[in-house]
PDB file of N, CA and C in Angstrom:
ATOM      1  N   MET A   1      15.042  23.464  -4.116  1.00  0.00           N
ATOM      2  CA  MET A   1      13.911  23.065  -3.449  1.00  0.00           C
ATOM      3  C   MET A   1      12.528  23.098  -4.216  1.00  0.00           C
ATOM      4  N   SER A   2      12.074  21.832  -4.545  1.00  0.00           N
ATOM      5  CA  SER A   2      10.803  21.784  -5.125  1.00  0.00           C
ATOM      6  C   SER A   2       9.579  21.921  -4.221  1.00  0.00           C
ATOM      7  N   ILE A   3       8.870  22.859  -4.718  1.00  0.00           N
ATOM      8  CA  ILE A   3       7.458  22.803  -4.063  1.00  0.00           C
ATOM      9  C   ILE A   3       6.381  22.444  -4.892  1.00  0.00           C
ATOM     10  N   ALA A   4       5.723  21.519  -4.164  1.00  0.00           N
ATOM     11  CA  ALA A   4       4.495  21.049  -4.883  1.00  0.00           C
ATOM     12  C   ALA A   4       2.987  21.937  -4.404  1.00  0.00           C
ATOM     13  N   CYS A   5       2.117  22.183  -5.156  1.00  0.00           N
ATOM     14  CA  CYS A   5       1.111  23.004  -4.453  1.00  0.00           C
ATOM     15  C   CYS A   5       0.028  22.958  -5.548  1.00  0.00           C
ATOM     16  N   GLU A   6      -1.183  23.243  -4.996  1.00  0.00           N
ATOM     17  CA  GLU A   6      -2.193  23.505  -5.925  1.00  0.00           C
ATOM     18  C   GLU A   6      -2.287  24.637  -6.464  1.00  0.00           C
ATOM     19  N   PRO A   7      -2.879  24.874  -7.601  1.00  0.00           N
ATOM     20  CA  PRO A   7      -2.869  25.956  -8.174  1.00  0.00           C
ATOM     21  C   PRO A   7      -3.437  27.029  -7.587  1.00  0.00           C
ATOM     22  N   SER A   8      -4.531  26.891  -6.692  1.00  0.00           N
ATOM     23  CA  SER A   8      -5.318  27.988  -5.724  1.00  0.00           C
ATOM     24  C   SER A   8      -4.301  28.459  -4.457  1.00  0.00           C
ATOM     25  N   GLN A   9      -3.205  27.609  -4.258  1.00  0.00           N
ATOM     26  CA  GLN A   9      -2.167  28.001  -3.361  1.00  0.00           C
ATOM     27  C   GLN A   9      -1.188  28.977  -3.657  1.00  0.00           C
ATOM     28  N   SER A  10      -1.142  29.260  -5.192  1.00  0.00           N
ATOM     29  CA  SER A  10      -0.193  30.148  -5.734  1.00  0.00           C
ATOM     30  C   SER A  10      -0.834  31.309  -6.355  1.00  0.00           C
ATOM     31  N   MET A  11      -0.167  32.534  -6.007  1.00  0.00           N
ATOM     32  CA  MET A  11      -0.368  33.566  -6.523  1.00  0.00           C
ATOM     33  C   MET A  11       0.663  34.682  -6.796  1.00  0.00           C
ATOM     34  N   HIS A  12       0.489  35.748  -7.508  1.00  0.00           N
ATOM     35  CA  HIS A  12       1.718  36.829  -7.803  1.00  0.00           C
ATOM     36  C   HIS A  12       1.441  37.930  -6.678  1.00  0.00           C
ATOM     37  N   GLY A  13       2.518  38.486  -6.517  1.00  0.00           N
ATOM     38  CA  GLY A  13       2.698  39.624  -5.720  1.00  0.00           C
ATOM     39  C   GLY A  13       4.050  40.193  -5.783  1.00  0.00           C
ATOM     40  N   TRP A  14       4.291  41.194  -4.938  1.00  0.00           N
ATOM     41  CA  TRP A  14       5.544  42.284  -4.909  1.00  0.00           C
ATOM     42  C   TRP A  14       6.258  41.895  -3.625  1.00  0.00           C
ATOM     43  N   LEU A  15       7.479  41.747  -3.638  1.00  0.00           N
ATOM     44  CA  LEU A  15       8.219  41.455  -2.399  1.00  0.00           C
ATOM     45  C   LEU A  15       9.266  42.727  -2.203  1.00  0.00           C
ATOM     46  N   ALA A  16       9.299  43.169  -0.875  1.00  0.00           N
ATOM     47  CA  ALA A  16      10.111  44.283  -0.738  1.00  0.00           C
ATOM     48  C   ALA A  16      11.803  43.448  -0.481  1.00  0.00           C
ATOM     49  N   CYS A  17      12.670  44.339  -1.045  1.00  0.00           N
ATOM     50  CA  CYS A  17      13.894  43.998  -1.428  1.00  0.00           C
ATOM     51  C   CYS A  17      14.877  45.173  -1.392  1.00  0.00           C
ATOM     52  N   LYS A  18      16.142  44.666  -1.596  1.00  0.00           N
ATOM     53  CA  LYS A  18      17.355  45.665  -1.703  1.00  0.00           C
ATOM     54  C   LYS A  18      17.686  45.408  -3.289  1.00  0.00           C
ATOM     55  N   LEU A  19      17.743  46.587  -3.640  1.00  0.00           N
ATOM     56  CA  LEU A  19      18.348  46.636  -5.229  1.00  0.00           C
ATOM     57  C   LEU A  19      19.656  47.124  -5.518  1.00  0.00           C
ATOM     58  N   ASP A  20      20.456  46.254  -6.170  1.00  0.00           N
ATOM     59  CA  ASP A  20      21.626  46.744  -6.596  1.00  0.00           C
ATOM     60  C   ASP A  20      21.882  46.865  -8.321  1.00  0.00           C
ATOM     61  N   LYS A  21      22.959  47.350  -8.519  1.00  0.00           N
ATOM     62  CA  LYS A  21      23.092  47.332 -10.061  1.00  0.00           C
ATOM     63  C   LYS A  21      23.403  45.881 -10.234  1.00  0.00           C
ATOM     64  N   GLY A  22      22.888  45.307 -11.378  1.00  0.00           N
ATOM     65  CA  GLY A  22      23.451  43.956 -11.981  1.00  0.00           C
ATOM     66  C   GLY A  22      24.582  43.932 -12.627  1.00  0.00           C
ATOM     67  N   MET A  23      25.103  42.785 -13.246  1.00  0.00           N
ATOM     68  CA  MET A  23      26.144  42.660 -14.062  1.00  0.00           C
ATOM     69  C   MET A  23      26.185  43.174 -15.478  1.00  0.00           C
ATOM     70  N   PHE A  24      25.012  43.101 -16.108  1.00  0.00           N
ATOM     71  CA  PHE A  24      24.682  43.445 -17.151  1.00  0.00           C
ATOM     72  C   PHE A  24      23.366  44.790 -17.125  1.00  0.00           C
ATOM     73  N   SER A  25      23.411  45.643 -18.148  1.00  0.00           N
ATOM     74  CA  SER A  25      22.234  46.674 -18.139  1.00  0.00           C
ATOM     75  C   SER A  25      20.935  46.455 -18.247  1.00  0.00           C
ATOM     76  N   ASP A  26      20.642  45.059 -18.335  1.00  0.00           N
ATOM     77  CA  ASP A  26      19.131  44.646 -18.459  1.00  0.00           C
ATOM     78  C   ASP A  26      18.734  43.840 -17.179  1.00  0.00           C
ATOM     79  N   GLU A  27      19.631  44.037 -16.184  1.00  0.00           N
ATOM     80  CA  GLU A  27      19.350  43.300 -15.038  1.00  0.00           C
ATOM     81  C   GLU A  27      19.563  43.940 -13.595  1.00  0.00           C
ATOM     82  N   MET A  28      19.193  43.523 -12.632  1.00  0.00           N
ATOM     83  CA  MET A  28      19.375  44.161 -11.242  1.00  0.00           C
ATOM     84  C   MET A  28      19.683  42.892 -10.469  1.00  0.00           C
ATOM     85  N   ALA A  29      20.391  43.220  -9.175  1.00  0.00           N
ATOM     86  CA  ALA A  29      20.706  42.188  -8.236  1.00  0.00           C
ATOM     87  C   ALA A  29      19.649  42.696  -7.098  1.00  0.00           C
ATOM     88  N   VAL A  30      19.091  41.683  -6.870  1.00  0.00           N
ATOM     89  CA  VAL A  30      17.844  41.572  -5.877  1.00  0.00           C
ATOM     90  C   VAL A  30      18.209  40.696  -4.536  1.00  0.00           C
ATOM     91  N   THR A  31      18.345  41.390  -3.278  1.00  0.00           N
ATOM     92  CA  THR A  31      18.541  40.804  -2.075  1.00  0.00           C
ATOM     93  C   THR A  31      17.482  40.869  -1.238  1.00  0.00           C
ATOM     94  N   TYR A  32      16.981  39.719  -0.595  1.00  0.00           N
ATOM     95  CA  TYR A  32      15.975  39.533   0.303  1.00  0.00           C
ATOM     96  C   TYR A  32      16.531  38.822   1.749  1.00  0.00           C
ATOM     97  N   PRO A  33      16.294  39.377   2.665  1.00  0.00           N
ATOM     98  CA  PRO A  33      15.331  40.537   3.074  1.00  0.00           C
ATOM     99  C   PRO A  33      16.110  41.967   2.665  1.00  0.00           C
ATOM    100  N   ALA A  34      15.581  42.849   2.550  1.00  0.00           N
ATOM    101  CA  ALA A  34      16.040  44.318   2.550  1.00  0.00           C
ATOM    102  C   ALA A  34      17.052  44.809   3.437  1.00  0.00           C
ATOM    103  N   GLU A  35      16.761  44.383   4.626  1.00  0.00           N
ATOM    104  CA  GLU A  35      17.733  44.624   5.897  1.00  0.00           C
ATOM    105  C   GLU A  35      17.942  43.520   6.543  1.00  0.00           C
ATOM    106  N   GLY A  36      19.037  43.530   7.312  1.00  0.00           N
ATOM    107  CA  GLY A  36      19.571  42.525   8.158  1.00  0.00           C
ATOM    108  C   GLY A  36      20.386  41.427   7.364  1.00  0.00           C
ATOM    109  N   THR A  37      20.277  40.149   7.892  1.00  0.00           N
ATOM    110  CA  THR A  37      20.803  38.937   7.282  1.00  0.00           C
ATOM    111  C   THR A  37      20.318  38.532   6.213  1.00  0.00           C
ATOM    112  N   PHE A  38      20.854  38.635   4.985  1.00  0.00           N
ATOM    113  CA  PHE A  38      20.169  38.146   3.694  1.00  0.00           C
ATOM    114  C   PHE A  38      20.017  36.443   3.708  1.00  0.00           C
ATOM    115  N   GLN A  39      18.813  36.116   3.027  1.00  0.00           N
ATOM    116  CA  GLN A  39      18.628  34.790   2.955  1.00  0.00           C
ATOM    117  C   GLN A  39      19.215  34.495   1.371  1.00  0.00           C
ATOM    118  N   LYS A  40      18.961  35.304   0.466  1.00  0.00           N
ATOM    119  CA  LYS A  40      19.278  35.244  -0.855  1.00  0.00           C
ATOM    120  C   LYS A  40      19.678  36.508  -1.870  1.00  0.00           C
ATOM    121  N   SER A  41      20.340  36.458  -2.673  1.00  0.00           N
ATOM    122  CA  SER A  41      21.025  37.748  -3.601  1.00  0.00           C
ATOM    123  C   SER A  41      21.052  36.957  -4.823  1.00  0.00           C
ATOM    124  N   VAL A  42      20.177  37.587  -5.887  1.00  0.00           N
ATOM    125  CA  VAL A  42      20.185  37.009  -7.112  1.00  0.00           C
ATOM    126  C   VAL A  42      20.011  38.009  -8.248  1.00  0.00           C
ATOM    127  N   PHE A  43      20.436  37.567  -9.268  1.00  0.00           N
ATOM    128  CA  PHE A  43      20.225  38.698 -10.531  1.00  0.00           C
ATOM    129  C   PHE A  43      18.883  38.432 -11.362  1.00  0.00           C
ATOM    130  N   VAL A  44      18.010  39.372 -11.609  1.00  0.00           N
ATOM    131  CA  VAL A  44      16.844  39.241 -12.163  1.00  0.00           C
ATOM    132  C   VAL A  44      16.658  40.332 -13.269  1.00  0.00           C
ATOM    133  N   GLU A  45      15.785  40.224 -14.352  1.00  0.00           N
ATOM    134  CA  GLU A  45      15.570  41.152 -15.202  1.00  0.00           C
ATOM    135  C   GLU A  45      14.900  42.419 -14.517  1.00  0.00           C
ATOM    136  N   LYS A  46      15.685  43.498 -15.285  1.00  0.00           N
ATOM    137  CA  LYS A  46      15.089  44.904 -14.745  1.00  0.00           C
ATOM    138  C   LYS A  46      13.538  45.130 -14.869  1.00  0.00           C
ATOM    139  N   SER A  47      12.925  44.392 -15.813  1.00  0.00           N
ATOM    140  CA  SER A  47      11.645  44.431 -15.922  1.00  0.00           C
ATOM    141  C   SER A  47      10.516  43.923 -15.032  1.00  0.00           C
ATOM    142  N   ALA A  48      11.453  43.060 -13.846  1.00  0.00           N
ATOM    143  CA  ALA A  48      10.688  42.515 -12.837  1.00  0.00           C
ATOM    144  C   ALA A  48      10.867  43.173 -11.421  1.00  0.00           C
ATOM    145  N   VAL A  49      11.591  44.350 -11.576  1.00  0.00           N
ATOM    146  CA  VAL A  49      11.631  45.144 -10.441  1.00  0.00           C
ATOM    147  C   VAL A  49      11.249  46.527 -10.540  1.00  0.00           C
ATOM    148  N   GLU A  50      10.917  47.227  -9.296  1.00  0.00           N
ATOM    149  CA  GLU A  50      10.550  48.627  -9.049  1.00  0.00           C
ATOM    150  C   GLU A  50      11.414  49.270  -8.413  1.00  0.00           C
ATOM    151  N   GLY A  51      12.156  50.352  -8.665  1.00  0.00           N
ATOM    152  CA  GLY A  51      13.174  50.800  -7.961  1.00  0.00           C
ATOM    153  C   GLY A  51      14.422  51.053  -8.657  1.00  0.00           C
ATOM    154  N   GLY A  52      15.327  51.555  -8.059  1.00  0.00           N
ATOM    155  CA  GLY A  52      16.776  51.695  -8.765  1.00  0.00           C
ATOM    156  C   GLY A  52      17.778  51.122  -7.916  1.00  0.00           C
ATOM    157  N   PRO A  53      19.214  51.112  -8.573  1.00  0.00           N
ATOM    158  CA  PRO A  53      20.079  50.494  -7.772  1.00  0.00           C
ATOM    159  C   PRO A  53      20.274  51.359  -6.457  1.00  0.00           C
ATOM    160  N   GLY A  54      20.673  50.601  -5.259  1.00  0.00           N
ATOM    161  CA  GLY A  54      21.045  51.242  -4.042  1.00  0.00           C
ATOM    162  C   GLY A  54      19.823  51.623  -3.358  1.00  0.00           C
ATOM    163  N   GLU A  55      18.601  51.234  -3.931  1.00  0.00           N
ATOM    164  CA  GLU A  55      17.269  51.600  -3.139  1.00  0.00           C
ATOM    165  C   GLU A  55      16.556  50.311  -2.364  1.00  0.00           C
ATOM    166  N   ARG A  56      15.695  50.615  -1.691  1.00  0.00           N
ATOM    167  CA  ARG A  56      14.722  49.620  -1.019  1.00  0.00           C
ATOM    168  C   ARG A  56      13.771  49.620  -2.184  1.00  0.00           C
ATOM    169  N   GLY A  57      13.481  48.541  -3.022  1.00  0.00           N
ATOM    170  CA  GLY A  57      12.561  48.428  -3.891  1.00  0.00           C
ATOM    171  C   GLY A  57      11.618  47.065  -3.795  1.00  0.00           C
ATOM    172  N   ARG A  58      11.132  46.718  -5.099  1.00  0.00           N
ATOM    173  CA  ARG A  58      10.376  45.390  -4.824  1.00  0.00           C
ATOM    174  C   ARG A  58      10.454  44.646  -5.953  1.00  0.00           C
ATOM    175  N   VAL A  59      10.275  43.301  -6.090  1.00  0.00           N
ATOM    176  CA  VAL A  59      10.469  42.502  -7.227  1.00  0.00           C
ATOM    177  C   VAL A  59       9.156  41.829  -7.253  1.00  0.00           C
ATOM    178  N   ARG A  60       8.806  41.555  -8.581  1.00  0.00           N
ATOM    179  CA  ARG A  60       7.328  40.770  -8.756  1.00  0.00           C
ATOM    180  C   ARG A  60       8.021  39.278  -8.487  1.00  0.00           C
ATOM    181  N   VAL A  61       7.275  38.492  -7.602  1.00  0.00           N
ATOM    182  CA  VAL A  61       7.320  36.854  -7.313  1.00  0.00           C
ATOM    183  C   VAL A  61       6.161  36.127  -7.336  1.00  0.00           C
ATOM    184  N   ARG A  62       6.304  35.230  -7.721  1.00  0.00           N
ATOM    185  CA  ARG A  62       4.955  34.138  -7.400  1.00  0.00           C
ATOM    186  C   ARG A  62       5.021  33.649  -5.666  1.00  0.00           C
ATOM    187  N   LEU A  63       3.910  33.813  -5.069  1.00  0.00           N
ATOM    188  CA  LEU A  63       4.008  33.112  -3.857  1.00  0.00           C
ATOM    189  C   LEU A  63       3.173  31.959  -3.680  1.00  0.00           C
ATOM    190  N   VAL A  64       3.691  31.290  -2.668  1.00  0.00           N
ATOM    191  CA  VAL A  64       3.162  29.661  -2.402  1.00  0.00           C
ATOM    192  C   VAL A  64       2.952  29.798  -0.949  1.00  0.00           C
ATOM    193  N   ARG A  65       1.664  29.452  -0.502  1.00  0.00           N
ATOM    194  CA  ARG A  65       1.352  29.255   1.016  1.00  0.00           C
ATOM    195  C   ARG A  65       1.438  27.843   1.369  1.00  0.00           C
ATOM    196  N   GLN A  66       2.173  27.444   2.083  1.00  0.00           N
ATOM    197  CA  GLN A  66       2.653  26.112   2.467  1.00  0.00           C
ATOM    198  C   GLN A  66       2.799  25.833   3.921  1.00  0.00           C
ATOM    199  N   ASN A  67       2.091  24.977   4.599  1.00  0.00           N
ATOM    200  CA  ASN A  67       1.845  24.606   5.889  1.00  0.00           C
ATOM    201  C   ASN A  67       2.021  25.586   6.769  1.00  0.00           C
ATOM    202  N   GLY A  68       1.461  26.848   6.623  1.00  0.00           N
ATOM    203  CA  GLY A  68       1.192  28.018   7.481  1.00  0.00           C
ATOM    204  C   GLY A  68       2.388  29.035   7.038  1.00  0.00           C
ATOM    205  N   SER A  69       3.403  28.699   6.175  1.00  0.00           N
ATOM    206  CA  SER A  69       4.480  29.761   5.833  1.00  0.00           C
ATOM    207  C   SER A  69       4.052  30.260   4.212  1.00  0.00           C
ATOM    208  N   VAL A  70       4.591  31.281   4.193  1.00  0.00           N
ATOM    209  CA  VAL A  70       4.798  31.802   2.890  1.00  0.00           C
ATOM    210  C   VAL A  70       6.166  32.013   2.134  1.00  0.00           C
ATOM    211  N   LEU A  71       6.192  31.464   0.936  1.00  0.00           N
ATOM    212  CA  LEU A  71       7.454  31.405   0.262  1.00  0.00           C
ATOM    213  C   LEU A  71       7.295  32.041  -1.050  1.00  0.00           C
ATOM    214  N   ALA A  72       8.260  32.669  -1.484  1.00  0.00           N
ATOM    215  CA  ALA A  72       8.237  33.509  -2.750  1.00  0.00           C
ATOM    216  C   ALA A  72       9.209  32.953  -3.739  1.00  0.00           C
ATOM    217  N   VAL A  73       8.963  32.682  -5.133  1.00  0.00           N
ATOM    218  CA  VAL A  73       9.643  32.363  -6.028  1.00  0.00           C
ATOM    219  C   VAL A  73      10.168  33.375  -7.014  1.00  0.00           C
ATOM    220  N   LEU A  74      11.503  33.354  -6.793  1.00  0.00           N
ATOM    221  CA  LEU A  74      12.056  34.715  -7.188  1.00  0.00           C
ATOM    222  C   LEU A  74      12.240  34.523  -8.809  1.00  0.00           C
ATOM    223  N   PRO A  75      12.234  35.690  -9.639  1.00  0.00           N
ATOM    224  CA  PRO A  75      12.302  35.476 -11.059  1.00  0.00           C
ATOM    225  C   PRO A  75      13.598  35.339 -11.434  1.00  0.00           C
ATOM    226  N   SER A  76      14.473  34.582 -10.900  1.00  0.00           N
ATOM    227  CA  SER A  76      16.028  34.462 -11.381  1.00  0.00           C
ATOM    228  C   SER A  76      15.974  33.135 -12.253  1.00  0.00           C
ATOM    229  N   ALA A  77      17.072  33.016 -13.082  1.00  0.00           N
ATOM    230  CA  ALA A  77      17.196  32.049 -13.860  1.00  0.00           C
ATOM    231  C   ALA A  77      16.880  30.596 -13.065  1.00  0.00           C
ATOM    232  N   ASN A  78      17.261  30.716 -11.711  1.00  0.00           N
ATOM    233  CA  ASN A  78      17.112  29.385 -11.282  1.00  0.00           C
ATOM    234  C   ASN A  78      16.046  29.153 -10.498  1.00  0.00           C
ATOM    235  N   GLN A  79      14.874  30.138 -10.494  1.00  0.00           N
ATOM    236  CA  GLN A  79      13.673  30.264  -9.758  1.00  0.00           C
ATOM    237  C   GLN A  79      13.975  29.885  -8.315  1.00  0.00           C
ATOM    238  N   ASP A  80      14.908  30.793  -7.714  1.00  0.00           N
ATOM    239  CA  ASP A  80      15.473  30.685  -6.330  1.00  0.00           C
ATOM    240  C   ASP A  80      14.046  31.023  -5.264  1.00  0.00           C
ATOM    241  N   ILE A  81      14.165  30.109  -4.225  1.00  0.00           N
ATOM    242  CA  ILE A  81      12.738  30.209  -3.415  1.00  0.00           C
ATOM    243  C   ILE A  81      13.209  30.879  -1.882  1.00  0.00           C
ATOM    244  N   VAL A  82      12.642  31.772  -1.270  1.00  0.00           N
ATOM    245  CA  VAL A  82      12.827  32.288  -0.125  1.00  0.00           C
ATOM    246  C   VAL A  82      11.463  32.111   0.753  1.00  0.00           C
ATOM    247  N   TYR A  83      11.882  32.129   2.175  1.00  0.00           N
ATOM    248  CA  TYR A  83      10.801  32.188   3.134  1.00  0.00           C
ATOM    249  C   TYR A  83      10.696  33.630   3.389  1.00  0.00           C
ATOM    250  N   VAL A  84       9.514  34.177   3.402  1.00  0.00           N
ATOM    251  CA  VAL A  84       9.207  35.560   3.435  1.00  0.00           C
ATOM    252  C   VAL A  84       8.129  35.970   4.692  1.00  0.00           C
ATOM    253  N   GLN A  85       8.501  36.981   4.979  1.00  0.00           N
ATOM    254  CA  GLN A  85       7.643  37.858   6.105  1.00  0.00           C
ATOM    255  C   GLN A  85       6.359  38.259   5.538  1.00  0.00           C
ATOM    256  N   PRO A  86       5.057  37.982   6.051  1.00  0.00           N
ATOM    257  CA  PRO A  86       4.211  38.757   5.477  1.00  0.00           C
ATOM    258  C   PRO A  86       4.104  40.310   5.171  1.00  0.00           C
ATOM    259  N   GLN A  87       4.604  40.915   6.287  1.00  0.00           N
ATOM    260  CA  GLN A  87       4.870  42.628   6.102  1.00  0.00           C
ATOM    261  C   GLN A  87       5.764  42.973   4.816  1.00  0.00           C
ATOM    262  N   ASP A  88       6.493  42.042   4.378  1.00  0.00           N
ATOM    263  CA  ASP A  88       7.454  42.250   3.077  1.00  0.00           C
ATOM    264  C   ASP A  88       6.813  42.124   1.628  1.00  0.00           C
ATOM    265  N   ILE A  89       5.250  41.546   1.733  1.00  0.00           N
ATOM    266  CA  ILE A  89       4.524  41.275   0.612  1.00  0.00           C
ATOM    267  C   ILE A  89       3.518  42.225   0.293  1.00  0.00           C
ATOM    268  N   VAL A  90       3.163  42.571  -0.900  1.00  0.00           N
ATOM    269  CA  VAL A  90       2.139  43.125  -1.406  1.00  0.00           C
ATOM    270  C   VAL A  90       1.625  42.677  -2.540  1.00  0.00           C
ATOM    271  N   GLU A  91       0.291  42.056  -2.376  1.00  0.00           N
ATOM    272  CA  GLU A  91      -0.265  41.252  -3.360  1.00  0.00           C
ATOM    273  C   GLU A  91      -1.138  41.992  -4.308  1.00  0.00           C
TER     274      GLU A  91
END
């Protein structure tokens, strides 16, 4: 999914997520949302997360507001995008 936005519509923040051990020692598996049916599960660098495997933690994301919705661009290799709930964001 490609998102076109003005620079003023994009900012960084933290997204609540579920954390698990990654395939390699320098990465973590990030699942959003932390509870319920997941939208996306991706691998990200450990430096982009707060928390440990098996915990509810948070991941640093780029937030985009578009048409009344908030999307988060995850720091994965493919820059995966998820629709997020406002209560899951800390800016």
